[in-house]
Every structure is written in structure tokens, then in C-alpha cells.
PDB file of N, CA and C in Angstrom:
ATOM      1  N   MET A   1      82.495 104.836  85.274  1.00  0.00           N
ATOM      2  CA  MET A   1      82.449 105.216  86.589  1.00  0.00           C
ATOM      3  C   MET A   1      81.705 104.396  87.493  1.00  0.00           C
ATOM      4  N   GLN A   2      82.074 104.741  88.677  1.00  0.00           N
ATOM      5  CA  GLN A   2      81.617 103.668  89.726  1.00  0.00           C
ATOM      6  C   GLN A   2      81.318 104.545  90.584  1.00  0.00           C
ATOM      7  N   TYR A   3      80.322 103.799  91.867  1.00  0.00           N
ATOM      8  CA  TYR A   3      79.426 104.361  93.063  1.00  0.00           C
ATOM      9  C   TYR A   3      79.824 104.067  94.496  1.00  0.00           C
ATOM     10  N   TYR A   4      80.399 104.558  95.034  1.00  0.00           N
ATOM     11  CA  TYR A   4      80.764 104.116  96.317  1.00  0.00           C
ATOM     12  C   TYR A   4      80.265 105.290  97.522  1.00  0.00           C
ATOM     13  N   ARG A   5      79.696 104.481  98.558  1.00  0.00           N
ATOM     14  CA  ARG A   5      78.815 104.946  99.698  1.00  0.00           C
ATOM     15  C   ARG A   5      79.834 104.160 100.799  1.00  0.00           C
ATOM     16  N   CYS A   6      79.227 104.961 102.259  1.00  0.00           N
ATOM     17  CA  CYS A   6      79.705 104.404 103.674  1.00  0.00           C
ATOM     18  C   CYS A   6      78.311 103.664 104.097  1.00  0.00           C
ATOM     19  N   LYS A   7      78.680 103.048 105.069  1.00  0.00           N
ATOM     20  CA  LYS A   7      77.371 102.162 105.662  1.00  0.00           C
ATOM     21  C   LYS A   7      76.053 102.993 105.701  1.00  0.00           C
ATOM     22  N   CYS A   8      76.183 103.760 106.304  1.00  0.00           N
ATOM     23  CA  CYS A   8      74.810 104.612 106.670  1.00  0.00           C
ATOM     24  C   CYS A   8      74.154 105.467 105.349  1.00  0.00           C
ATOM     25  N   GLY A   9      75.477 105.529 104.608  1.00  0.00           N
ATOM     26  CA  GLY A   9      74.666 106.286 103.053  1.00  0.00           C
ATOM     27  C   GLY A   9      74.696 107.875 103.084  1.00  0.00           C
ATOM     28  N   LYS A  10      75.245 108.216 104.097  1.00  0.00           N
ATOM     29  CA  LYS A  10      75.223 109.949 104.189  1.00  0.00           C
ATOM     30  C   LYS A  10      76.563 110.135 103.272  1.00  0.00           C
ATOM     31  N   THR A  11      77.708 109.585 102.998  1.00  0.00           N
ATOM     32  CA  THR A  11      78.985 109.985 102.461  1.00  0.00           C
ATOM     33  C   THR A  11      78.461 108.890 101.152  1.00  0.00           C
ATOM     34  N   GLU A  12      78.881 109.796  99.889  1.00  0.00           N
ATOM     35  CA  GLU A  12      79.237 108.761  98.750  1.00  0.00           C
ATOM     36  C   GLU A  12      79.972 109.917  97.861  1.00  0.00           C
ATOM     37  N   SER A  13      80.582 108.951  96.937  1.00  0.00           N
ATOM     38  CA  SER A  13      81.474 109.046  96.045  1.00  0.00           C
ATOM     39  C   SER A  13      81.413 108.566  94.329  1.00  0.00           C
ATOM     40  N   TRP A  14      81.659 109.137  93.488  1.00  0.00           N
ATOM     41  CA  TRP A  14      81.582 108.840  91.816  1.00  0.00           C
ATOM     42  C   TRP A  14      83.044 108.866  91.683  1.00  0.00           C
ATOM     43  N   GLY A  15      83.379 107.876  90.875  1.00  0.00           N
ATOM     44  CA  GLY A  15      84.901 108.108  89.932  1.00  0.00           C
ATOM     45  C   GLY A  15      85.176 106.566  89.660  1.00  0.00           C
ATOM     46  N   SER A  16      86.218 106.537  89.145  1.00  0.00           N
ATOM     47  CA  SER A  16      86.844 105.456  88.105  1.00  0.00           C
ATOM     48  C   SER A  16      87.797 104.692  89.199  1.00  0.00           C
ATOM     49  N   LEU A  17      88.240 105.103  90.096  1.00  0.00           N
ATOM     50  CA  LEU A  17      89.446 104.794  91.055  1.00  0.00           C
ATOM     51  C   LEU A  17      88.418 104.812  92.559  1.00  0.00           C
ATOM     52  N   PRO A  18      88.728 103.491  93.035  1.00  0.00           N
ATOM     53  CA  PRO A  18      88.100 103.541  94.672  1.00  0.00           C
ATOM     54  C   PRO A  18      88.444 104.679  95.271  1.00  0.00           C
ATOM     55  N   PRO A  19      87.765 105.070  96.211  1.00  0.00           N
ATOM     56  CA  PRO A  19      88.227 106.096  97.252  1.00  0.00           C
ATOM     57  C   PRO A  19      89.504 105.568  98.302  1.00  0.00           C
ATOM     58  N   ARG A  20      90.173 106.355  98.893  1.00  0.00           N
ATOM     59  CA  ARG A  20      91.471 105.831  99.251  1.00  0.00           C
ATOM     60  C   ARG A  20      90.841 105.206 100.975  1.00  0.00           C
ATOM     61  N   LYS A  21      91.980 104.722 100.973  1.00  0.00           N
ATOM     62  CA  LYS A  21      91.840 103.833 102.619  1.00  0.00           C
ATOM     63  C   LYS A  21      91.728 104.216 103.582  1.00  0.00           C
ATOM     64  N   CYS A  22      92.069 105.297 103.745  1.00  0.00           N
ATOM     65  CA  CYS A  22      92.584 106.503 104.867  1.00  0.00           C
ATOM     66  C   CYS A  22      90.534 107.292 105.028  1.00  0.00           C
ATOM     67  N   ASP A  23      90.046 107.447 103.611  1.00  0.00           N
ATOM     68  CA  ASP A  23      88.901 108.204 103.826  1.00  0.00           C
ATOM     69  C   ASP A  23      87.341 107.351 104.759  1.00  0.00           C
ATOM     70  N   GLY A  24      86.291 108.385 104.961  1.00  0.00           N
ATOM     71  CA  GLY A  24      85.508 107.464 105.257  1.00  0.00           C
ATOM     72  C   GLY A  24      84.802 108.640 105.822  1.00  0.00           C
ATOM     73  N   CYS A  25      83.160 107.824 106.440  1.00  0.00           N
ATOM     74  CA  CYS A  25      82.363 108.887 106.921  1.00  0.00           C
ATOM     75  C   CYS A  25      82.611 109.020 108.201  1.00  0.00           C
ATOM     76  N   SER A  26      82.659 110.585 108.710  1.00  0.00           N
ATOM     77  CA  SER A  26      82.576 111.134 109.859  1.00  0.00           C
ATOM     78  C   SER A  26      81.274 110.491 110.619  1.00  0.00           C
ATOM     79  N   GLU A  27      80.422 110.447 110.105  1.00  0.00           N
ATOM     80  CA  GLU A  27      79.082 109.701 111.029  1.00  0.00           C
ATOM     81  C   GLU A  27      79.090 108.590 111.213  1.00  0.00           C
ATOM     82  N   CYS A  28      79.116 107.356 110.701  1.00  0.00           N
ATOM     83  CA  CYS A  28      79.194 106.060 110.783  1.00  0.00           C
ATOM     84  C   CYS A  28      80.519 105.497 111.031  1.00  0.00           C
ATOM     85  N   GLY A  29      81.647 105.988 110.730  1.00  0.00           N
ATOM     86  CA  GLY A  29      83.078 105.542 110.970  1.00  0.00           C
ATOM     87  C   GLY A  29      83.458 104.790 110.105  1.00  0.00           C
ATOM     88  N   THR A  30      82.474 104.505 108.740  1.00  0.00           N
ATOM     89  CA  THR A  30      83.340 103.256 107.760  1.00  0.00           C
ATOM     90  C   THR A  30      84.002 103.679 106.557  1.00  0.00           C
ATOM     91  N   THR A  31      84.511 103.058 105.934  1.00  0.00           N
ATOM     92  CA  THR A  31      85.101 103.313 104.328  1.00  0.00           C
ATOM     93  C   THR A  31      84.106 103.483 103.533  1.00  0.00           C
ATOM     94  N   LEU A  32      84.200 103.705 102.335  1.00  0.00           N
ATOM     95  CA  LEU A  32      83.229 104.167 101.124  1.00  0.00           C
ATOM     96  C   LEU A  32      83.432 102.682 100.435  1.00  0.00           C
ATOM     97  N   ASN A  33      82.644 102.345 100.188  1.00  0.00           N
ATOM     98  CA  ASN A  33      82.860 100.794  99.281  1.00  0.00           C
ATOM     99  C   ASN A  33      81.370 100.715  98.547  1.00  0.00           C
ATOM    100  N   GLN A  34      81.711  99.549  97.546  1.00  0.00           N
ATOM    101  CA  GLN A  34      80.454  99.490  96.493  1.00  0.00           C
ATOM    102  C   GLN A  34      79.476  98.338  97.015  1.00  0.00           C
ATOM    103  N   GLY A  35      79.859  97.725  98.260  1.00  0.00           N
ATOM    104  CA  GLY A  35      78.511  96.937  98.753  1.00  0.00           C
ATOM    105  C   GLY A  35      78.807  96.971 100.143  1.00  0.00           C
ATOM    106  N   PRO A  36      77.520  96.020 101.008  1.00  0.00           N
ATOM    107  CA  PRO A  36      77.709  96.646 102.376  1.00  0.00           C
ATOM    108  C   PRO A  36      78.562  95.517 102.865  1.00  0.00           C
ATOM    109  N   GLU A  37      78.838  94.302 102.048  1.00  0.00           N
ATOM    110  CA  GLU A  37      79.725  93.366 103.272  1.00  0.00           C
ATOM    111  C   GLU A  37      81.222  93.777 102.991  1.00  0.00           C
ATOM    112  N   TYR A  38      81.567  94.755 102.444  1.00  0.00           N
ATOM    113  CA  TYR A  38      82.842  95.308 102.417  1.00  0.00           C
ATOM    114  C   TYR A  38      83.303  96.679 102.950  1.00  0.00           C
ATOM    115  N   HIS A  39      82.515  97.535 103.750  1.00  0.00           N
ATOM    116  CA  HIS A  39      82.880  98.585 104.457  1.00  0.00           C
ATOM    117  C   HIS A  39      83.677  98.104 105.887  1.00  0.00           C
ATOM    118  N   LYS A  40      84.890  98.932 106.127  1.00  0.00           N
ATOM    119  CA  LYS A  40      85.491  98.162 107.348  1.00  0.00           C
ATOM    120  C   LYS A  40      85.661 100.125 107.776  1.00  0.00           C
ATOM    121  N   THR A  41      86.580 100.040 109.142  1.00  0.00           N
ATOM    122  CA  THR A  41      86.909 101.117 109.546  1.00  0.00           C
ATOM    123  C   THR A  41      88.151 101.657 108.754  1.00  0.00           C
ATOM    124  N   PRO A  42      88.452 102.825 108.631  1.00  0.00           N
ATOM    125  CA  PRO A  42      89.465 103.410 107.782  1.00  0.00           C
ATOM    126  C   PRO A  42      90.910 103.801 108.442  1.00  0.00           C
ATOM    127  N   GLU A  43      91.942 103.444 107.783  1.00  0.00           N
ATOM    128  CA  GLU A  43      92.912 103.184 108.352  1.00  0.00           C
ATOM    129  C   GLU A  43      93.533 104.786 108.379  1.00  0.00           C
ATOM    130  N   PRO A  44      94.463 104.797 109.581  1.00  0.00           N
ATOM    131  CA  PRO A  44      95.075 106.135 109.918  1.00  0.00           C
ATOM    132  C   PRO A  44      95.654 106.612 108.809  1.00  0.00           C
ATOM    133  N   HIS A  45      95.627 108.149 109.094  1.00  0.00           N
ATOM    134  CA  HIS A  45      96.602 108.680 107.606  1.00  0.00           C
ATOM    135  C   HIS A  45      98.092 108.320 107.694  1.00  0.00           C
ATOM    136  N   GLU A  46      98.641 108.553 106.911  1.00  0.00           N
ATOM    137  CA  GLU A  46     100.436 107.979 107.340  1.00  0.00           C
ATOM    138  C   GLU A  46     100.796 109.530 106.645  1.00  0.00           C
ATOM    139  N   TRP A  47     100.965 110.425 107.308  1.00  0.00           N
ATOM    140  CA  TRP A  47     101.627 111.703 107.381  1.00  0.00           C
ATOM    141  C   TRP A  47     103.155 111.562 107.302  1.00  0.00           C
ATOM    142  N   ALA A  48     103.406 112.564 106.239  1.00  0.00           N
ATOM    143  CA  ALA A  48     104.573 112.781 105.659  1.00  0.00           C
ATOM    144  C   ALA A  48     105.412 114.314 105.265  1.00  0.00           C
ATOM    145  N   ALA A  49     106.209 114.745 105.998  1.00  0.00           N
ATOM    146  CA  ALA A  49     106.685 116.109 105.784  1.00  0.00           C
ATOM    147  C   ALA A  49     107.149 116.467 104.620  1.00  0.00           C
ATOM    148  N   ARG A  50     106.279 118.094 104.370  1.00  0.00           N
ATOM    149  CA  ARG A  50     106.812 118.519 102.950  1.00  0.00           C
ATOM    150  C   ARG A  50     107.173 120.084 103.444  1.00  0.00           C
ATOM    151  N   TYR A  51     107.747 120.838 102.626  1.00  0.00           N
ATOM    152  CA  TYR A  51     107.921 121.970 102.505  1.00  0.00           C
ATOM    153  C   TYR A  51     107.029 123.008 101.062  1.00  0.00           C
ATOM    154  N   ASP A  52     106.555 123.699 101.740  1.00  0.00           N
ATOM    155  CA  ASP A  52     106.080 124.744 100.593  1.00  0.00           C
ATOM    156  C   ASP A  52     107.050 125.561  99.698  1.00  0.00           C
ATOM    157  N   GLU A  53     106.934 124.781  98.401  1.00  0.00           N
ATOM    158  CA  GLU A  53     107.971 125.576  97.641  1.00  0.00           C
ATOM    159  C   GLU A  53     108.144 127.458  97.504  1.00  0.00           C
ATOM    160  N   ARG A  54     107.176 127.799  97.718  1.00  0.00           N
ATOM    161  CA  ARG A  54     106.947 129.650  97.902  1.00  0.00           C
ATOM    162  C   ARG A  54     107.655 129.666  98.888  1.00  0.00           C
ATOM    163  N   THR A  55     107.408 129.345  99.857  1.00  0.00           N
ATOM    164  CA  THR A  55     107.674 129.929 101.095  1.00  0.00           C
ATOM    165  C   THR A  55     108.404 129.100 102.241  1.00  0.00           C
ATOM    166  N   GLY A  56     108.795 127.871 101.804  1.00  0.00           N
ATOM    167  CA  GLY A  56     109.700 127.048 102.569  1.00  0.00           C
ATOM    168  C   GLY A  56     108.863 126.557 103.946  1.00  0.00           C
ATOM    169  N   LYS A  57     107.790 126.835 104.315  1.00  0.00           N
ATOM    170  CA  LYS A  57     106.998 126.602 105.323  1.00  0.00           C
ATOM    171  C   LYS A  57     106.817 125.131 105.007  1.00  0.00           C
ATOM    172  N   PRO A  58     107.314 124.605 106.417  1.00  0.00           N
ATOM    173  CA  PRO A  58     106.417 122.957 106.498  1.00  0.00           C
ATOM    174  C   PRO A  58     105.331 122.643 106.656  1.00  0.00           C
ATOM    175  N   TYR A  59     104.901 121.381 106.156  1.00  0.00           N
ATOM    176  CA  TYR A  59     103.398 121.410 106.542  1.00  0.00           C
ATOM    177  C   TYR A  59     103.559 119.881 106.648  1.00  0.00           C
ATOM    178  N   GLU A  60     102.497 118.890 107.021  1.00  0.00           N
ATOM    179  CA  GLU A  60     102.153 117.519 106.465  1.00  0.00           C
ATOM    180  C   GLU A  60     101.009 117.447 106.201  1.00  0.00           C
ATOM    181  N   ILE A  61     101.130 116.423 105.085  1.00  0.00           N
ATOM    182  CA  ILE A  61     100.293 115.520 103.957  1.00  0.00           C
ATOM    183  C   ILE A  61     100.197 114.002 104.112  1.00  0.00           C
ATOM    184  N   CYS A  62      98.971 113.516 103.667  1.00  0.00           N
ATOM    185  CA  CYS A  62      98.776 112.083 103.891  1.00  0.00           C
ATOM    186  C   CYS A  62      98.914 111.728 102.747  1.00  0.00           C
ATOM    187  N   VAL A  63     100.768 110.545 102.573  1.00  0.00           N
ATOM    188  CA  VAL A  63     100.943 110.005 101.197  1.00  0.00           C
ATOM    189  C   VAL A  63      99.717 109.054 100.660  1.00  0.00           C
ATOM    190  N   ASN A  64      98.455 109.116 101.604  1.00  0.00           N
ATOM    191  CA  ASN A  64      97.207 107.957 100.718  1.00  0.00           C
ATOM    192  C   ASN A  64      96.734 109.092  99.679  1.00  0.00           C
ATOM    193  N   CYS A  65      95.679 110.209 100.828  1.00  0.00           N
ATOM    194  CA  CYS A  65      94.910 110.769 100.164  1.00  0.00           C
ATOM    195  C   CYS A  65      95.324 112.429  99.902  1.00  0.00           C
ATOM    196  N   MET A  66      96.244 112.935 100.058  1.00  0.00           N
ATOM    197  CA  MET A  66      96.894 114.469  99.994  1.00  0.00           C
ATOM    198  C   MET A  66      95.999 114.923 101.167  1.00  0.00           C
ATOM    199  N   ARG A  67      95.597 114.519 101.967  1.00  0.00           N
ATOM    200  CA  ARG A  67      94.959 115.618 102.605  1.00  0.00           C
ATOM    201  C   ARG A  67      96.025 116.276 103.899  1.00  0.00           C
ATOM    202  N   VAL A  68      95.799 117.509 103.497  1.00  0.00           N
ATOM    203  CA  VAL A  68      96.978 118.374 104.451  1.00  0.00           C
ATOM    204  C   VAL A  68      96.476 118.354 106.047  1.00  0.00           C
ATOM    205  N   LYS A  69      97.652 118.124 106.884  1.00  0.00           N
ATOM    206  CA  LYS A  69      97.225 118.218 108.017  1.00  0.00           C
ATOM    207  C   LYS A  69      97.129 119.336 108.865  1.00  0.00           C
ATOM    208  N   GLU A  70      95.902 119.608 109.503  1.00  0.00           N
ATOM    209  CA  GLU A  70      95.858 121.075 110.140  1.00  0.00           C
ATOM    210  C   GLU A  70      96.678 121.386 111.355  1.00  0.00           C
ATOM    211  N   GLU A  71      96.685 122.453 111.560  1.00  0.00           N
ATOM    212  CA  GLU A  71      97.708 123.052 112.749  1.00  0.00           C
ATOM    213  C   GLU A  71      97.280 122.342 114.357  1.00  0.00           C
ATOM    214  N   SER A  72      95.764 122.252 114.130  1.00  0.00           N
ATOM    215  CA  SER A  72      94.965 121.498 115.254  1.00  0.00           C
ATOM    216  C   SER A  72      95.352 120.252 115.908  1.00  0.00           C
ATOM    217  N   ASP A  73      95.560 119.531 114.606  1.00  0.00           N
ATOM    218  CA  ASP A  73      95.578 117.911 114.557  1.00  0.00           C
ATOM    219  C   ASP A  73      96.595 117.660 115.554  1.00  0.00           C
TER     220      ASP A  73
END
């Protein structure tokens, strides 16, 4: 189990895999990492079109973090 956090320390993550490259802290704008020298600006999400299997309604999802794009984005 690894511990990751942002530069300001407000966003933390525990896990065996590192956080996705597009995940980051909304407060300080840095990625989650194990040490202070490795913090970077999060990369933009890579949106891909998908369709709901039950309804057929289209939506967009990030291929890196699997976050669904909101209607207002």
C-alpha cells in the first residue's frame, strides 16, 4: 500500500497503484505523488464518447481516470 498526496496536503490517496495522471488537487493544482519533488500540473482529461447500454444515451468518459464528463463541462 502506497501513500500519495498533493503539494498542499489537502488531497490524499492510499493504494497499490499510483493515481491517474489527470487526477489532482483542486486547491493547489498539483498531481498526487509520494514526494514533494515529483508534483506536476495534472494533464487534461482524454474524453471518449460512449453509450449507455440500457438507454442508448451518449456520454463522455475520461479514458485515464474513468470520470464521466458532466453536462455543464
